[in-house]
Amino acid sequence: MDGNVKAEYETELNIQECGIKEEDAEEELPHAEVIDIFQEGLAMMVQDPLLCDLPIQVTLEEINSQIALEFGQAMTVRVCKADGEVMPVVVIQNATVLDLKRAIQRYIQLKHQREGGIQHISWKYVWNTYQLSFSGEKLESDDKSLREYGIKNRDEVVFMKKLKKK
């Protein structure tokens, strides 16, 4: 943890321990200023070597995923699209195919929010039109764990269009 953030946290604890109300210790700040201060603190936190891979507008879920990765409780699955884009998606170690699909959805939604892209995606259409495969094997059963398919940390899964059945 950065020294400034730690010092601010300790100061906050001291104020609370002395019985001084937070309103008395500081003036109330407008919401926009609080957001700016929070974003600055968050920017300092993501400079930490464990969190440096995260974007500036990071969510709590992304921080928790990164921490879980560091402790070996999660794994990164690289999802390759047909256009060559690779999406590094984080899922828990015992994740199912459905968990991976939901993680892909969250990844794409966050990406679109940050880039100002498409607002709504019909995921029912996406999963009826596209499929995931690993080493040539289709990941058809949502209930099956990724381990059962042999998927490990940093493995590549392909996001591809389904072939029509005749």
Protein backbone atom coordinates (compact mmCIF):
# COMPACT_ATOMS: atom_id res chain seq x y z
CA MET A 1 0.00 0.00 0.00
CA ASP A 2 1.31 3.47 -0.89
CA GLY A 3 2.62 5.52 2.06
CA ASN A 4 0.24 8.45 1.43
CA VAL A 5 -2.84 6.23 1.31
CA LYS A 6 -1.72 4.43 4.46
CA ALA A 7 -1.11 7.74 6.26
CA GLU A 8 -4.57 9.00 5.27
CA TYR A 9 -6.14 5.76 6.49
CA GLU A 10 -4.29 5.98 9.84
CA THR A 11 -5.33 9.64 10.23
CA GLU A 12 -8.94 8.62 9.61
CA LEU A 13 -8.67 5.91 12.27
CA ASN A 14 -7.16 8.38 14.78
CA ILE A 15 -9.99 10.84 14.18
CA GLN A 16 -12.56 8.11 14.78
CA GLU A 17 -10.77 6.83 17.91
CA CYS A 18 -10.66 10.30 19.48
CA GLY A 19 -14.44 10.52 19.27
CA ILE A 20 -14.33 13.40 16.82
CA LYS A 21 -17.04 13.18 14.23
CA GLU A 22 -15.85 13.20 10.65
CA GLU A 23 -18.05 16.22 9.87
CA ASP A 24 -16.28 18.23 12.60
CA ALA A 25 -12.81 17.23 11.38
CA GLU A 26 -13.38 18.13 7.75
CA GLU A 27 -15.70 20.26 5.71
CA GLU A 28 -18.25 18.43 3.65
CA LEU A 29 -17.09 18.16 0.07
CA PRO A 30 -19.29 18.23 -3.02
CA HIS A 31 -19.89 14.84 -4.60
CA ALA A 32 -17.73 15.66 -7.64
CA GLU A 33 -14.74 16.47 -5.41
CA VAL A 34 -15.18 13.26 -3.43
CA ILE A 35 -15.22 11.30 -6.69
CA ASP A 36 -12.04 13.10 -7.85
CA ILE A 37 -10.27 12.36 -4.55
CA PHE A 38 -11.38 8.74 -4.73
CA GLN A 39 -10.17 8.41 -8.34
CA GLU A 40 -6.78 9.90 -7.37
CA GLY A 41 -6.44 7.42 -4.50
CA LEU A 42 -7.49 4.59 -6.77
CA ALA A 43 -4.93 5.69 -9.38
CA MET A 44 -2.22 5.51 -6.69
CA MET A 45 -3.39 2.05 -5.62
CA VAL A 46 -3.28 0.61 -9.13
CA GLN A 47 0.36 1.67 -9.39
CA ASP A 48 1.06 -1.13 -6.91
CA PRO A 49 2.94 -3.98 -8.68
CA LEU A 50 0.08 -6.40 -7.96
CA LEU A 51 -2.55 -4.10 -9.44
CA CYS A 52 -0.62 -2.33 -12.24
CA ASP A 53 -2.35 -4.39 -14.98
CA LEU A 54 -5.72 -2.82 -14.15
CA PRO A 55 -7.23 0.20 -15.94
CA ILE A 56 -7.57 3.58 -14.18
CA GLN A 57 -11.39 3.25 -14.03
CA VAL A 58 -11.10 -0.07 -12.23
CA THR A 59 -14.06 -1.76 -10.56
CA LEU A 60 -14.05 -3.54 -7.21
CA GLU A 61 -14.68 -6.81 -9.06
CA GLU A 62 -11.53 -6.31 -11.15
CA ILE A 63 -9.45 -5.61 -8.04
CA ASN A 64 -10.81 -8.72 -6.31
CA SER A 65 -10.12 -10.81 -9.42
CA GLN A 66 -6.53 -9.58 -9.57
CA ILE A 67 -6.00 -10.37 -5.88
CA ALA A 68 -7.53 -13.84 -6.37
CA LEU A 69 -5.10 -14.39 -9.27
CA GLU A 70 -2.14 -13.48 -7.08
CA PHE A 71 -3.26 -15.94 -4.39
CA GLY A 72 -3.88 -18.74 -6.92
CA GLN A 73 -7.63 -18.75 -6.33
CA ALA A 74 -8.39 -17.73 -9.92
CA MET A 75 -6.98 -18.23 -13.41
CA THR A 76 -6.78 -16.23 -16.61
CA VAL A 77 -8.36 -17.75 -19.70
CA ARG A 78 -7.33 -16.09 -22.94
CA VAL A 79 -10.38 -15.89 -25.23
CA CYS A 80 -9.38 -15.45 -28.88
CA LYS A 81 -11.83 -13.86 -31.30
CA ALA A 82 -11.84 -14.35 -35.08
CA ASP A 83 -10.48 -10.82 -35.65
CA GLY A 84 -7.35 -11.70 -33.64
CA GLU A 85 -8.35 -9.83 -30.48
CA VAL A 86 -7.46 -11.69 -27.29
CA MET A 87 -9.58 -11.11 -24.18
CA PRO A 88 -7.85 -12.03 -20.90
CA VAL A 89 -10.79 -13.22 -18.77
CA VAL A 90 -10.39 -14.07 -15.07
CA VAL A 91 -12.44 -16.92 -13.55
CA ILE A 92 -12.17 -18.90 -10.32
CA GLN A 93 -10.15 -22.14 -10.40
CA ASN A 94 -13.19 -24.46 -10.36
CA ALA A 95 -15.22 -22.38 -12.85
CA THR A 96 -17.76 -23.91 -15.21
CA VAL A 97 -18.33 -23.03 -18.86
CA LEU A 98 -21.26 -20.87 -17.73
CA ASP A 99 -18.93 -18.96 -15.36
CA LEU A 100 -16.55 -18.36 -18.28
CA LYS A 101 -19.41 -17.10 -20.47
CA ARG A 102 -20.52 -14.69 -17.74
CA ALA A 103 -16.94 -13.47 -17.27
CA ILE A 104 -16.70 -12.83 -21.03
CA GLN A 105 -19.96 -10.87 -20.85
CA ARG A 106 -18.64 -8.73 -17.96
CA TYR A 107 -15.34 -8.16 -19.78
CA ILE A 108 -17.06 -7.00 -22.98
CA GLN A 109 -19.60 -4.82 -21.14
CA LEU A 110 -16.84 -3.07 -19.17
CA LYS A 111 -14.82 -2.59 -22.35
CA HIS A 112 -17.80 -1.02 -24.14
CA GLN A 113 -18.53 1.25 -21.16
CA ARG A 114 -14.95 2.50 -21.10
CA GLU A 115 -14.76 3.00 -24.86
CA GLY A 116 -18.31 4.35 -25.22
CA GLY A 117 -19.39 1.57 -27.56
CA ILE A 118 -22.57 -0.46 -27.90
CA GLN A 119 -24.89 -0.07 -24.92
CA HIS A 120 -26.91 -3.29 -25.20
CA ILE A 121 -25.89 -6.73 -26.39
CA SER A 122 -28.31 -9.62 -26.77
CA TRP A 123 -26.33 -12.35 -25.06
CA LYS A 124 -28.99 -14.92 -25.93
CA TYR A 125 -28.31 -14.19 -29.60
CA VAL A 126 -24.54 -14.24 -29.07
CA TRP A 127 -24.53 -17.66 -27.38
CA ASN A 128 -26.99 -19.08 -29.96
CA THR A 129 -24.75 -17.85 -32.81
CA TYR A 130 -21.26 -18.30 -31.36
CA GLN A 131 -19.53 -20.97 -29.29
CA LEU A 132 -16.37 -21.52 -27.32
CA SER A 133 -13.89 -24.26 -28.13
CA PHE A 134 -10.64 -25.50 -26.63
CA SER A 135 -8.16 -27.61 -28.61
CA GLY A 136 -10.84 -28.30 -31.23
CA GLU A 137 -13.40 -29.48 -28.66
CA LYS A 138 -16.63 -27.47 -28.33
CA LEU A 139 -17.48 -26.29 -24.81
CA GLU A 140 -21.14 -27.28 -25.14
CA SER A 141 -22.15 -28.15 -21.59
CA ASP A 142 -22.54 -25.03 -19.42
CA ASP A 143 -22.48 -27.18 -16.26
CA LYS A 144 -19.16 -28.86 -17.06
CA SER A 145 -16.09 -27.42 -15.32
CA LEU A 146 -13.24 -25.94 -17.32
CA ARG A 147 -10.90 -28.47 -15.69
CA GLU A 148 -12.93 -31.32 -17.21
CA TYR A 149 -12.11 -29.87 -20.62
CA GLY A 150 -8.43 -29.62 -19.58
CA ILE A 151 -8.38 -25.81 -19.40
CA LYS A 152 -5.71 -24.38 -17.10
CA ASN A 153 -4.31 -20.93 -16.30
CA ARG A 154 -3.31 -18.93 -19.41
CA ASP A 155 -4.85 -21.44 -21.84
CA GLU A 156 -6.47 -20.12 -25.00
CA VAL A 157 -10.15 -20.69 -25.75
CA VAL A 158 -11.50 -19.79 -29.20
CA PHE A 159 -14.68 -17.72 -29.61
CA MET A 160 -16.06 -18.81 -32.98
CA LYS A 161 -19.23 -18.83 -35.03
CA LYS A 162 -21.33 -22.00 -34.81
CA LEU A 163 -21.63 -24.06 -37.94
CA LYS A 164 -25.20 -24.47 -39.15
CA LYS A 165 -26.65 -27.95 -38.98
CA LYS A 166 -28.31 -29.15 -42.18
